[in-house]
C-alpha atoms as a PDB file:
ATOM      1  CA  MET A   1      37.888 -23.544 -28.270  1.00  0.00           C
ATOM      2  CA  ALA A   2      40.370 -24.279 -25.475  1.00  0.00           C
ATOM      3  CA  ALA A   3      43.726 -25.756 -26.431  1.00  0.00           C
ATOM      4  CA  ARG A   4      43.973 -29.406 -25.413  1.00  0.00           C
ATOM      5  CA  VAL A   5      47.322 -30.070 -23.741  1.00  0.00           C
ATOM      6  CA  LEU A   6      48.752 -33.414 -22.653  1.00  0.00           C
ATOM      7  CA  VAL A   7      51.176 -33.145 -19.708  1.00  0.00           C
ATOM      8  CA  PHE A   8      53.541 -35.838 -18.451  1.00  0.00           C
ATOM      9  CA  ALA A   9      56.860 -36.347 -16.704  1.00  0.00           C
ATOM     10  CA  GLY A  10      59.797 -38.407 -17.890  1.00  0.00           C
ATOM     11  CA  SER A  11      60.060 -40.112 -14.492  1.00  0.00           C
ATOM     12  CA  THR A  12      57.626 -42.218 -12.516  1.00  0.00           C
ATOM     13  CA  ARG A  13      59.574 -42.049  -9.252  1.00  0.00           C
ATOM     14  CA  SER A  14      57.477 -41.025  -6.259  1.00  0.00           C
ATOM     15  CA  GLY A  15      58.206 -37.372  -5.500  1.00  0.00           C
ATOM     16  CA  ALA A  16      60.242 -36.890  -8.690  1.00  0.00           C
ATOM     17  CA  TYR A  17      61.088 -33.252  -9.396  1.00  0.00           C
ATOM     18  CA  SER A  18      59.916 -33.726 -12.974  1.00  0.00           C
ATOM     19  CA  GLY A  19      56.557 -34.988 -11.702  1.00  0.00           C
ATOM     20  CA  ARG A  20      56.242 -32.038  -9.327  1.00  0.00           C
ATOM     21  CA  THR A  21      57.119 -29.690 -12.187  1.00  0.00           C
ATOM     22  CA  ALA A  22      54.473 -31.392 -14.351  1.00  0.00           C
ATOM     23  CA  ASP A  23      51.932 -30.810 -11.548  1.00  0.00           C
ATOM     24  CA  ILE A  24      52.716 -27.082 -11.653  1.00  0.00           C
ATOM     25  CA  ALA A  25      52.505 -27.027 -15.460  1.00  0.00           C
ATOM     26  CA  GLN A  26      49.131 -28.779 -15.285  1.00  0.00           C
ATOM     27  CA  ARG A  27      47.760 -26.185 -12.865  1.00  0.00           C
ATOM     28  CA  GLU A  28      49.191 -23.205 -14.777  1.00  0.00           C
ATOM     29  CA  LEU A  29      47.880 -24.422 -18.128  1.00  0.00           C
ATOM     30  CA  ALA A  30      44.401 -24.874 -16.621  1.00  0.00           C
ATOM     31  CA  VAL A  31      44.516 -21.376 -15.077  1.00  0.00           C
ATOM     32  CA  GLN A  32      45.338 -20.020 -18.535  1.00  0.00           C
ATOM     33  CA  GLY A  33      42.297 -21.740 -20.033  1.00  0.00           C
ATOM     34  CA  ALA A  34      43.716 -24.941 -21.525  1.00  0.00           C
ATOM     35  CA  GLU A  35      41.931 -28.273 -21.335  1.00  0.00           C
ATOM     36  CA  VAL A  36      44.617 -30.370 -19.626  1.00  0.00           C
ATOM     37  CA  THR A  37      45.114 -34.131 -19.500  1.00  0.00           C
ATOM     38  CA  ARG A  38      47.793 -35.399 -17.101  1.00  0.00           C
ATOM     39  CA  ILE A  39      49.181 -38.909 -17.561  1.00  0.00           C
ATOM     40  CA  SER A  40      51.958 -41.042 -16.138  1.00  0.00           C
ATOM     41  CA  LEU A  41      54.175 -43.011 -18.500  1.00  0.00           C
ATOM     42  CA  GLY A  42      54.094 -45.691 -15.790  1.00  0.00           C
ATOM     43  CA  ASP A  43      50.523 -46.435 -16.844  1.00  0.00           C
ATOM     44  CA  TYR A  44      51.785 -47.375 -20.331  1.00  0.00           C
ATOM     45  CA  PRO A  45      54.578 -49.907 -19.768  1.00  0.00           C
ATOM     46  CA  LEU A  46      56.581 -50.704 -22.886  1.00  0.00           C
ATOM     47  CA  PRO A  47      59.373 -53.130 -23.720  1.00  0.00           C
ATOM     48  CA  ILE A  48      62.702 -51.641 -24.767  1.00  0.00           C
ATOM     49  CA  MET A  49      62.427 -50.502 -28.405  1.00  0.00           C
ATOM     50  CA  ASP A  50      63.400 -53.450 -30.570  1.00  0.00           C
ATOM     51  CA  GLN A  51      62.705 -53.639 -34.294  1.00  0.00           C
ATOM     52  CA  ASP A  52      62.926 -57.441 -34.235  1.00  0.00           C
ATOM     53  CA  LEU A  53      60.194 -57.471 -31.586  1.00  0.00           C
ATOM     54  CA  GLU A  54      58.181 -55.015 -33.660  1.00  0.00           C
ATOM     55  CA  LYS A  55      58.559 -57.216 -36.743  1.00  0.00           C
ATOM     56  CA  GLU A  56      57.506 -60.301 -34.790  1.00  0.00           C
ATOM     57  CA  LYS A  57      54.649 -58.889 -32.682  1.00  0.00           C
ATOM     58  CA  GLY A  58      53.910 -55.420 -34.074  1.00  0.00           C
ATOM     59  CA  VAL A  59      53.891 -52.150 -32.183  1.00  0.00           C
ATOM     60  CA  PRO A  60      52.838 -52.685 -28.548  1.00  0.00           C
ATOM     61  CA  GLU A  61      49.259 -51.700 -27.697  1.00  0.00           C
ATOM     62  CA  ASN A  62      50.469 -49.202 -25.077  1.00  0.00           C
ATOM     63  CA  ALA A  63      52.449 -47.371 -27.753  1.00  0.00           C
ATOM     64  CA  VAL A  64      49.276 -47.153 -29.842  1.00  0.00           C
ATOM     65  CA  LYS A  65      47.361 -45.860 -26.802  1.00  0.00           C
ATOM     66  CA  LEU A  66      50.010 -43.170 -26.257  1.00  0.00           C
ATOM     67  CA  ALA A  67      49.939 -42.296 -29.959  1.00  0.00           C
ATOM     68  CA  ARG A  68      46.158 -41.829 -29.740  1.00  0.00           C
ATOM     69  CA  LEU A  69      46.604 -39.514 -26.756  1.00  0.00           C
ATOM     70  CA  PHE A  70      49.315 -37.503 -28.504  1.00  0.00           C
ATOM     71  CA  ALA A  71      47.226 -37.221 -31.672  1.00  0.00           C
ATOM     72  CA  SER A  72      44.072 -36.160 -29.813  1.00  0.00           C
ATOM     73  CA  HIS A  73      45.763 -33.177 -28.125  1.00  0.00           C
ATOM     74  CA  ASP A  74      46.846 -29.868 -29.642  1.00  0.00           C
ATOM     75  CA  ALA A  75      50.087 -29.753 -27.661  1.00  0.00           C
ATOM     76  CA  LEU A  76      52.295 -31.640 -25.219  1.00  0.00           C
ATOM     77  CA  MET A  77      54.209 -30.416 -22.173  1.00  0.00           C
ATOM     78  CA  ILE A  78      57.011 -32.829 -21.308  1.00  0.00           C
ATOM     79  CA  CYS A  79      58.820 -32.461 -17.975  1.00  0.00           C
ATOM     80  CA  THR A  80      62.105 -34.351 -18.013  1.00  0.00           C
ATOM     81  CA  PRO A  81      64.580 -35.205 -15.301  1.00  0.00           C
ATOM     82  CA  GLU A  82      68.264 -35.611 -16.140  1.00  0.00           C
ATOM     83  CA  TYR A  83      69.933 -39.025 -15.959  1.00  0.00           C
ATOM     84  CA  ASN A  84      73.691 -39.046 -16.534  1.00  0.00           C
ATOM     85  CA  GLY A  85      73.529 -35.811 -18.509  1.00  0.00           C
ATOM     86  CA  SER A  86      70.635 -36.828 -20.762  1.00  0.00           C
ATOM     87  CA  MET A  87      66.955 -37.747 -20.839  1.00  0.00           C
ATOM     88  CA  PRO A  88      65.810 -40.876 -18.990  1.00  0.00           C
ATOM     89  CA  PRO A  89      65.340 -44.161 -20.859  1.00  0.00           C
ATOM     90  CA  LEU A  90      61.638 -44.285 -19.914  1.00  0.00           C
ATOM     91  CA  LEU A  91      60.990 -41.069 -21.850  1.00  0.00           C
ATOM     92  CA  LYS A  92      63.214 -41.854 -24.842  1.00  0.00           C
ATOM     93  CA  ASN A  93      61.738 -45.349 -25.154  1.00  0.00           C
ATOM     94  CA  ALA A  94      58.166 -43.998 -25.128  1.00  0.00           C
ATOM     95  CA  ILE A  95      59.022 -41.458 -27.841  1.00  0.00           C
ATOM     96  CA  ASP A  96      60.770 -44.129 -29.920  1.00  0.00           C
ATOM     97  CA  TRP A  97      57.794 -46.491 -29.758  1.00  0.00           C
ATOM     98  CA  VAL A  98      55.220 -43.768 -30.482  1.00  0.00           C
ATOM     99  CA  SER A  99      57.277 -42.735 -33.509  1.00  0.00           C
ATOM    100  CA  ARG A 100      56.692 -46.247 -34.899  1.00  0.00           C
ATOM    101  CA  VAL A 101      52.882 -45.945 -34.814  1.00  0.00           C
ATOM    102  CA  ARG A 102      51.617 -45.304 -38.348  1.00  0.00           C
ATOM    103  CA  LYS A 103      48.076 -46.688 -38.186  1.00  0.00           C
ATOM    104  CA  ASP A 104      45.331 -47.003 -35.614  1.00  0.00           C
ATOM    105  CA  ASN A 105      42.552 -49.464 -36.481  1.00  0.00           C
ATOM    106  CA  GLY A 106      43.686 -49.350 -40.098  1.00  0.00           C
ATOM    107  CA  GLN A 107      43.548 -45.538 -40.304  1.00  0.00           C
ATOM    108  CA  PRO A 108      46.649 -43.339 -40.710  1.00  0.00           C
ATOM    109  CA  ILE A 109      47.729 -41.577 -37.516  1.00  0.00           C
ATOM    110  CA  HIS A 110      50.348 -38.843 -37.098  1.00  0.00           C
ATOM    111  CA  PRO A 111      50.999 -38.456 -33.362  1.00  0.00           C
ATOM    112  CA  LEU A 112      54.313 -36.564 -33.557  1.00  0.00           C
ATOM    113  CA  PRO A 113      55.093 -34.584 -36.740  1.00  0.00           C
ATOM    114  CA  GLY A 114      53.833 -31.019 -36.466  1.00  0.00           C
ATOM    115  CA  LYS A 115      52.675 -31.403 -32.856  1.00  0.00           C
ATOM    116  CA  VAL A 116      53.432 -28.397 -30.640  1.00  0.00           C
ATOM    117  CA  VAL A 117      55.511 -29.294 -27.570  1.00  0.00           C
ATOM    118  CA  GLY A 118      57.001 -27.516 -24.571  1.00  0.00           C
ATOM    119  CA  ILE A 119      59.864 -28.716 -22.391  1.00  0.00           C
ATOM    120  CA  CYS A 120      60.534 -28.417 -18.680  1.00  0.00           C
ATOM    121  CA  SER A 121      63.588 -29.917 -16.998  1.00  0.00           C
ATOM    122  CA  SER A 122      64.751 -30.430 -13.443  1.00  0.00           C
ATOM    123  CA  SER A 123      67.654 -31.790 -11.467  1.00  0.00           C
ATOM    124  CA  ASP A 124      69.131 -31.867  -7.998  1.00  0.00           C
ATOM    125  CA  GLY A 125      72.032 -29.636  -9.035  1.00  0.00           C
ATOM    126  CA  HIS A 126      72.806 -26.206 -10.400  1.00  0.00           C
ATOM    127  CA  PHE A 127      72.397 -27.076 -14.103  1.00  0.00           C
ATOM    128  CA  ALA A 128      68.640 -27.744 -13.746  1.00  0.00           C
ATOM    129  CA  GLY A 129      68.506 -30.570 -16.282  1.00  0.00           C
ATOM    130  CA  ILE A 130      69.462 -28.331 -19.198  1.00  0.00           C
ATOM    131  CA  ARG A 131      71.553 -31.070 -20.847  1.00  0.00           C
ATOM    132  CA  SER A 132      68.555 -33.407 -20.755  1.00  0.00           C
ATOM    133  CA  ALA A 133      66.334 -30.637 -22.140  1.00  0.00           C
ATOM    134  CA  ALA A 134      68.797 -29.946 -24.960  1.00  0.00           C
ATOM    135  CA  HIS A 135      68.919 -33.634 -25.920  1.00  0.00           C
ATOM    136  CA  LEU A 136      65.123 -33.894 -25.735  1.00  0.00           C
ATOM    137  CA  ARG A 137      64.732 -30.743 -27.860  1.00  0.00           C
ATOM    138  CA  ALA A 138      67.064 -32.234 -30.495  1.00  0.00           C
ATOM    139  CA  VAL A 139      65.122 -35.514 -30.612  1.00  0.00           C
ATOM    140  CA  LEU A 140      61.718 -33.800 -30.804  1.00  0.00           C
ATOM    141  CA  SER A 141      62.919 -31.427 -33.518  1.00  0.00           C
ATOM    142  CA  HIS A 142      64.343 -34.364 -35.485  1.00  0.00           C
ATOM    143  CA  ILE A 143      60.953 -36.078 -35.502  1.00  0.00           C
ATOM    144  CA  GLN A 144      59.432 -32.822 -36.786  1.00  0.00           C
ATOM    145  CA  MET A 145      57.641 -31.673 -33.671  1.00  0.00           C
ATOM    146  CA  GLU A 146      57.191 -27.931 -33.235  1.00  0.00           C
ATOM    147  CA  VAL A 147      59.181 -27.226 -30.033  1.00  0.00           C
ATOM    148  CA  ILE A 148      58.483 -23.829 -28.475  1.00  0.00           C
ATOM    149  CA  ALA A 149      61.473 -21.735 -27.373  1.00  0.00           C
ATOM    150  CA  PRO A 150      60.469 -20.874 -23.778  1.00  0.00           C
ATOM    151  CA  GLN A 151      61.514 -23.583 -21.365  1.00  0.00           C
ATOM    152  CA  VAL A 152      61.414 -24.012 -17.586  1.00  0.00           C
ATOM    153  CA  SER A 153      64.533 -25.500 -15.986  1.00  0.00           C
ATOM    154  CA  VAL A 154      64.375 -26.188 -12.256  1.00  0.00           C
ATOM    155  CA  PRO A 155      67.689 -26.309 -10.329  1.00  0.00           C
ATOM    156  CA  TYR A 156      68.208 -27.735  -6.838  1.00  0.00           C
ATOM    157  CA  GLY A 157      64.985 -29.722  -6.992  1.00  0.00           C
ATOM    158  CA  ALA A 158      65.049 -30.669  -3.323  1.00  0.00           C
ATOM    159  CA  GLU A 159      64.675 -26.987  -2.404  1.00  0.00           C
ATOM    160  CA  ALA A 160      62.633 -25.756  -5.401  1.00  0.00           C
ATOM    161  CA  PHE A 161      59.109 -26.546  -4.146  1.00  0.00           C
ATOM    162  CA  ASP A 162      57.182 -25.240  -1.155  1.00  0.00           C
ATOM    163  CA  GLU A 163      54.837 -27.256   1.087  1.00  0.00           C
ATOM    164  CA  ASN A 164      51.965 -26.600  -1.339  1.00  0.00           C
ATOM    165  CA  GLY A 165      53.887 -28.003  -4.296  1.00  0.00           C
ATOM    166  CA  GLU A 166      54.490 -24.583  -5.873  1.00  0.00           C
ATOM    167  CA  PHE A 167      57.816 -23.137  -6.952  1.00  0.00           C
ATOM    168  CA  VAL A 168      59.635 -21.211  -4.227  1.00  0.00           C
ATOM    169  CA  ALA A 169      61.433 -18.932  -6.710  1.00  0.00           C
ATOM    170  CA  GLU A 170      59.383 -16.205  -8.354  1.00  0.00           C
ATOM    171  CA  ARG A 171      61.483 -16.466 -11.522  1.00  0.00           C
ATOM    172  CA  LEU A 172      60.369 -20.107 -11.901  1.00  0.00           C
ATOM    173  CA  ARG A 173      56.713 -19.165 -11.345  1.00  0.00           C
ATOM    174  CA  LYS A 174      56.983 -16.435 -13.982  1.00  0.00           C
ATOM    175  CA  GLY A 175      58.905 -18.733 -16.304  1.00  0.00           C
ATOM    176  CA  MET A 176      56.187 -21.393 -16.080  1.00  0.00           C
ATOM    177  CA  ALA A 177      53.491 -18.793 -16.792  1.00  0.00           C
ATOM    178  CA  ARG A 178      55.435 -17.623 -19.874  1.00  0.00           C
ATOM    179  CA  ALA A 179      56.100 -21.149 -21.139  1.00  0.00           C
ATOM    180  CA  CYS A 180      52.449 -22.179 -20.718  1.00  0.00           C
ATOM    181  CA  ALA A 181      51.220 -19.022 -22.456  1.00  0.00           C
ATOM    182  CA  ALA A 182      53.600 -19.643 -25.365  1.00  0.00           C
ATOM    183  CA  LEU A 183      52.524 -23.292 -25.619  1.00  0.00           C
ATOM    184  CA  ILE A 184      48.828 -22.376 -25.705  1.00  0.00           C
ATOM    185  CA  GLU A 185      49.440 -19.620 -28.254  1.00  0.00           C
ATOM    186  CA  ALA A 186      51.465 -21.935 -30.518  1.00  0.00           C
ATOM    187  CA  ALA A 187      48.831 -24.676 -30.219  1.00  0.00           C
ATOM    188  CA  ASN A 188      46.045 -22.251 -31.106  1.00  0.00           C
ATOM    189  CA  LEU A 189      47.998 -20.903 -34.102  1.00  0.00           C
ATOM    190  CA  ARG A 190      48.702 -24.434 -35.296  1.00  0.00           C
ATOM    191  CA  SER A 191      45.009 -25.376 -34.942  1.00  0.00           C
ATOM    192  CA  ALA A 192      43.973 -22.261 -36.870  1.00  0.00           C
ATOM    193  CA  ARG A 193      46.409 -23.119 -39.694  1.00  0.00           C
ATOM    194  CA  ALA A 194      45.192 -26.741 -39.791  1.00  0.00           C
ATOM    195  CA  GLY A 195      41.529 -25.758 -39.679  1.00  0.00           C
END
């Protein structure tokens, strides 16, 4: 059975490097035999995480929808930009809200712990979003996700993609192939252990 992988970017900006990287991840995962679902966090608007709001109104429905998506896939591939040396608030807020989802229609749901996840990062500069990726890796590890080691970090985003939306640099193309293969392998191993 093909690994089911959910792919999304941590930015919703038109032409965002993280979105373009997510497009490449989506294509590479499909080439390697995964069943890929691509979403935009912009389709799941959420208020800023607020426990008083949660106490008053409960977890927002869009957080529950995201939790369902996370839970129904074997793995995630998250492509993050870097904002002021860290992950963007859109991405962190989505993770924070999903971490609050414990039940769906009265049934227990576990969208994050034990889920296999890969990380890609990108930026306009030389450091390729590695600070954002490191912060994201720390957060995902803290919430007990199984973060794979291979990672794709895209420097100089304005020059990183060709007219067809592919990476210009061969090392990035090879890196994406390696990261996707590792994600699929880890997802399949996790499914075999769970089954």
